[in-house]
Amino acid sequence: VQLVESGGGLVQPGGSLKLSCAASGFTFSDAVMSWDRQASGKEREFVARISSVGSITTYVDSVKGRFTISRDDAKNTVYLQMNSLKPEDSAVYYCGTIYQGYVYWGQGTQVTVSS
């Protein structure tokens, strides 16, 4: 299983970024995919999840209405569109999945929201 995140960077408050996570090594279309984040000095927290069947989405309250998780099963990729970014969204963002009972995470991509 391999998960590779990309798309992070430095953005001003109110700006947007779109993160991507390219997956391989498992049947992506059958997998629930998620995004977590970890800010410096804080615990990792759940951000968003998307189911396999029906692409049902779930979000942490702090990002509802601003972030959108989506998936492209043809490209084995999950996305996180982040709009109206705030300084408190600054963190390393990780995509993850559970496969055959094990949890897998990518290496993360840094998002910094600052003026």
C-alpha atoms as a PDB file:
ATOM      1  CA  VAL A   1       0.000   0.000   0.000  1.00  0.00           C
ATOM      2  CA  GLN A   2       1.343   3.395  -0.966  1.00  0.00           C
ATOM      3  CA  LEU A   3      -0.250   6.791  -0.416  1.00  0.00           C
ATOM      4  CA  VAL A   4       1.434   9.907  -1.768  1.00  0.00           C
ATOM      5  CA  GLU A   5       0.081  13.341  -0.896  1.00  0.00           C
ATOM      6  CA  SER A   6       0.778  16.509  -2.848  1.00  0.00           C
ATOM      7  CA  GLY A   7      -0.537  20.015  -3.261  1.00  0.00           C
ATOM      8  CA  GLY A   8       0.436  21.612   0.015  1.00  0.00           C
ATOM      9  CA  GLY A   9       2.099  24.991   0.288  1.00  0.00           C
ATOM     10  CA  LEU A  10       1.909  28.513   1.636  1.00  0.00           C
ATOM     11  CA  VAL A  11      -1.351  30.400   1.160  1.00  0.00           C
ATOM     12  CA  GLN A  12      -2.781  33.615   2.542  1.00  0.00           C
ATOM     13  CA  PRO A  13      -5.808  33.582   4.844  1.00  0.00           C
ATOM     14  CA  GLY A  14      -8.960  33.283   2.769  1.00  0.00           C
ATOM     15  CA  GLY A  15      -7.144  31.465   0.009  1.00  0.00           C
ATOM     16  CA  SER A  16      -7.589  27.979  -1.407  1.00  0.00           C
ATOM     17  CA  LEU A  17      -5.538  24.844  -1.924  1.00  0.00           C
ATOM     18  CA  LYS A  18      -6.363  21.451  -3.383  1.00  0.00           C
ATOM     19  CA  LEU A  19      -4.576  18.457  -1.942  1.00  0.00           C
ATOM     20  CA  SER A  20      -4.238  15.182  -3.838  1.00  0.00           C
ATOM     21  CA  CYS A  21      -3.437  11.696  -2.621  1.00  0.00           C
ATOM     22  CA  ALA A  22      -2.389   9.094  -5.173  1.00  0.00           C
ATOM     23  CA  ALA A  23      -3.003   5.539  -3.978  1.00  0.00           C
ATOM     24  CA  SER A  24      -1.632   2.189  -5.070  1.00  0.00           C
ATOM     25  CA  GLY A  25      -1.277  -1.357  -3.826  1.00  0.00           C
ATOM     26  CA  PHE A  26      -4.929  -2.018  -3.030  1.00  0.00           C
ATOM     27  CA  THR A  27      -8.361  -1.880  -4.623  1.00  0.00           C
ATOM     28  CA  PHE A  28      -8.938   1.838  -4.336  1.00  0.00           C
ATOM     29  CA  SER A  29     -12.575   1.752  -5.426  1.00  0.00           C
ATOM     30  CA  ASP A  30     -13.413  -0.479  -2.441  1.00  0.00           C
ATOM     31  CA  ALA A  31     -11.628   1.682   0.110  1.00  0.00           C
ATOM     32  CA  VAL A  32     -12.817   4.322   2.528  1.00  0.00           C
ATOM     33  CA  MET A  33     -10.354   7.184   2.304  1.00  0.00           C
ATOM     34  CA  SER A  34      -9.719   9.890   4.846  1.00  0.00           C
ATOM     35  CA  TRP A  35      -7.709  13.019   5.535  1.00  0.00           C
ATOM     36  CA  ASP A  36      -6.232  13.848   8.921  1.00  0.00           C
ATOM     37  CA  ARG A  37      -4.026  16.739   9.940  1.00  0.00           C
ATOM     38  CA  GLN A  38      -1.504  17.476  12.635  1.00  0.00           C
ATOM     39  CA  ALA A  39      -0.532  20.992  13.617  1.00  0.00           C
ATOM     40  CA  SER A  40       2.787  21.662  15.278  1.00  0.00           C
ATOM     41  CA  GLY A  41       2.618  20.744  18.949  1.00  0.00           C
ATOM     42  CA  LYS A  42      -0.898  19.330  18.677  1.00  0.00           C
ATOM     43  CA  GLU A  43      -2.436  15.901  18.336  1.00  0.00           C
ATOM     44  CA  ARG A  44      -3.455  14.541  14.960  1.00  0.00           C
ATOM     45  CA  GLU A  45      -7.114  15.173  14.203  1.00  0.00           C
ATOM     46  CA  PHE A  46      -9.631  13.783  11.748  1.00  0.00           C
ATOM     47  CA  VAL A  47     -10.576  16.175   8.938  1.00  0.00           C
ATOM     48  CA  ALA A  48     -12.707  14.342   6.374  1.00  0.00           C
ATOM     49  CA  ARG A  49     -13.701  10.902   5.125  1.00  0.00           C
ATOM     50  CA  ILE A  50     -15.296   9.569   1.961  1.00  0.00           C
ATOM     51  CA  SER A  51     -16.899   6.168   1.610  1.00  0.00           C
ATOM     52  CA  SER A  52     -16.427   3.795  -1.264  1.00  0.00           C
ATOM     53  CA  VAL A  53     -20.020   3.076  -2.258  1.00  0.00           C
ATOM     54  CA  GLY A  54     -21.989   6.251  -2.790  1.00  0.00           C
ATOM     55  CA  SER A  55     -19.082   8.578  -1.878  1.00  0.00           C
ATOM     56  CA  ILE A  56     -20.698   9.555   1.399  1.00  0.00           C
ATOM     57  CA  THR A  57     -18.675  12.284   3.080  1.00  0.00           C
ATOM     58  CA  THR A  58     -18.036  13.198   6.710  1.00  0.00           C
ATOM     59  CA  TYR A  59     -16.232  16.278   8.053  1.00  0.00           C
ATOM     60  CA  VAL A  60     -14.982  17.638  11.315  1.00  0.00           C
ATOM     61  CA  ASP A  61     -17.138  20.595  12.340  1.00  0.00           C
ATOM     62  CA  SER A  62     -14.324  23.120  11.983  1.00  0.00           C
ATOM     63  CA  VAL A  63     -14.036  22.567   8.210  1.00  0.00           C
ATOM     64  CA  LYS A  64     -17.673  22.024   7.236  1.00  0.00           C
ATOM     65  CA  GLY A  65     -18.686  24.352   4.423  1.00  0.00           C
ATOM     66  CA  ARG A  66     -15.058  25.158   3.586  1.00  0.00           C
ATOM     67  CA  PHE A  67     -13.451  21.805   2.709  1.00  0.00           C
ATOM     68  CA  THR A  68     -14.647  19.206   0.214  1.00  0.00           C
ATOM     69  CA  ILE A  69     -13.333  15.669  -0.027  1.00  0.00           C
ATOM     70  CA  SER A  70     -13.784  13.833  -3.315  1.00  0.00           C
ATOM     71  CA  ARG A  71     -12.419  10.824  -5.141  1.00  0.00           C
ATOM     72  CA  ASP A  72     -11.641   9.707  -8.669  1.00  0.00           C
ATOM     73  CA  ASP A  73     -11.641   5.926  -8.741  1.00  0.00           C
ATOM     74  CA  ALA A  74     -10.352   5.894 -12.328  1.00  0.00           C
ATOM     75  CA  LYS A  75      -7.232   7.724 -11.159  1.00  0.00           C
ATOM     76  CA  ASN A  76      -6.935   6.042  -7.726  1.00  0.00           C
ATOM     77  CA  THR A  77      -6.831   9.502  -6.213  1.00  0.00           C
ATOM     78  CA  VAL A  78      -8.575  11.253  -3.354  1.00  0.00           C
ATOM     79  CA  TYR A  79      -8.708  15.035  -3.116  1.00  0.00           C
ATOM     80  CA  LEU A  80      -9.249  17.656  -0.457  1.00  0.00           C
ATOM     81  CA  GLN A  81     -10.392  21.029  -1.762  1.00  0.00           C
ATOM     82  CA  MET A  82      -9.785  23.627   0.927  1.00  0.00           C
ATOM     83  CA  ASN A  83     -11.372  27.054   0.620  1.00  0.00           C
ATOM     84  CA  SER A  84     -11.533  30.066   2.941  1.00  0.00           C
ATOM     85  CA  LEU A  85      -8.398  28.874   4.670  1.00  0.00           C
ATOM     86  CA  LYS A  86      -7.593  30.133   8.139  1.00  0.00           C
ATOM     87  CA  PRO A  87      -4.286  30.251  10.025  1.00  0.00           C
ATOM     88  CA  GLU A  88      -5.596  27.510  12.302  1.00  0.00           C
ATOM     89  CA  ASP A  89      -5.789  25.193   9.274  1.00  0.00           C
ATOM     90  CA  SER A  90      -1.995  25.187   9.133  1.00  0.00           C
ATOM     91  CA  ALA A  91      -0.810  21.611   9.615  1.00  0.00           C
ATOM     92  CA  VAL A  92       0.666  18.593   7.939  1.00  0.00           C
ATOM     93  CA  TYR A  93      -2.173  16.871   6.099  1.00  0.00           C
ATOM     94  CA  TYR A  94      -2.168  13.089   5.755  1.00  0.00           C
ATOM     95  CA  CYS A  95      -4.362  10.816   3.706  1.00  0.00           C
ATOM     96  CA  GLY A  96      -5.110   7.355   4.978  1.00  0.00           C
ATOM     97  CA  THR A  97      -7.009   4.152   4.519  1.00  0.00           C
ATOM     98  CA  ILE A  98      -7.653   0.844   6.247  1.00  0.00           C
ATOM     99  CA  TYR A  99      -6.741  -2.248   4.234  1.00  0.00           C
ATOM    100  CA  GLN A 100      -6.950  -5.817   5.469  1.00  0.00           C
ATOM    101  CA  GLY A 101      -7.170  -4.608   9.034  1.00  0.00           C
ATOM    102  CA  TYR A 102      -4.194  -2.274   8.915  1.00  0.00           C
ATOM    103  CA  VAL A 103      -4.204   1.512   8.854  1.00  0.00           C
ATOM    104  CA  TYR A 104      -1.966   3.155   6.262  1.00  0.00           C
ATOM    105  CA  TRP A 105      -0.949   6.812   6.041  1.00  0.00           C
ATOM    106  CA  GLY A 106       0.997   8.794   3.529  1.00  0.00           C
ATOM    107  CA  GLN A 107       4.036  10.908   4.352  1.00  0.00           C
ATOM    108  CA  GLY A 108       1.985  14.093   4.583  1.00  0.00           C
ATOM    109  CA  THR A 109       1.995  17.469   2.887  1.00  0.00           C
ATOM    110  CA  GLN A 110       2.521  20.760   4.702  1.00  0.00           C
ATOM    111  CA  VAL A 111      -0.145  23.454   4.529  1.00  0.00           C
ATOM    112  CA  THR A 112       0.725  26.868   5.927  1.00  0.00           C
ATOM    113  CA  VAL A 113      -1.849  29.643   6.062  1.00  0.00           C
ATOM    114  CA  SER A 114      -0.185  32.955   6.781  1.00  0.00           C
ATOM    115  CA  SER A 115      -0.046  36.512   5.553  1.00  0.00           C
END
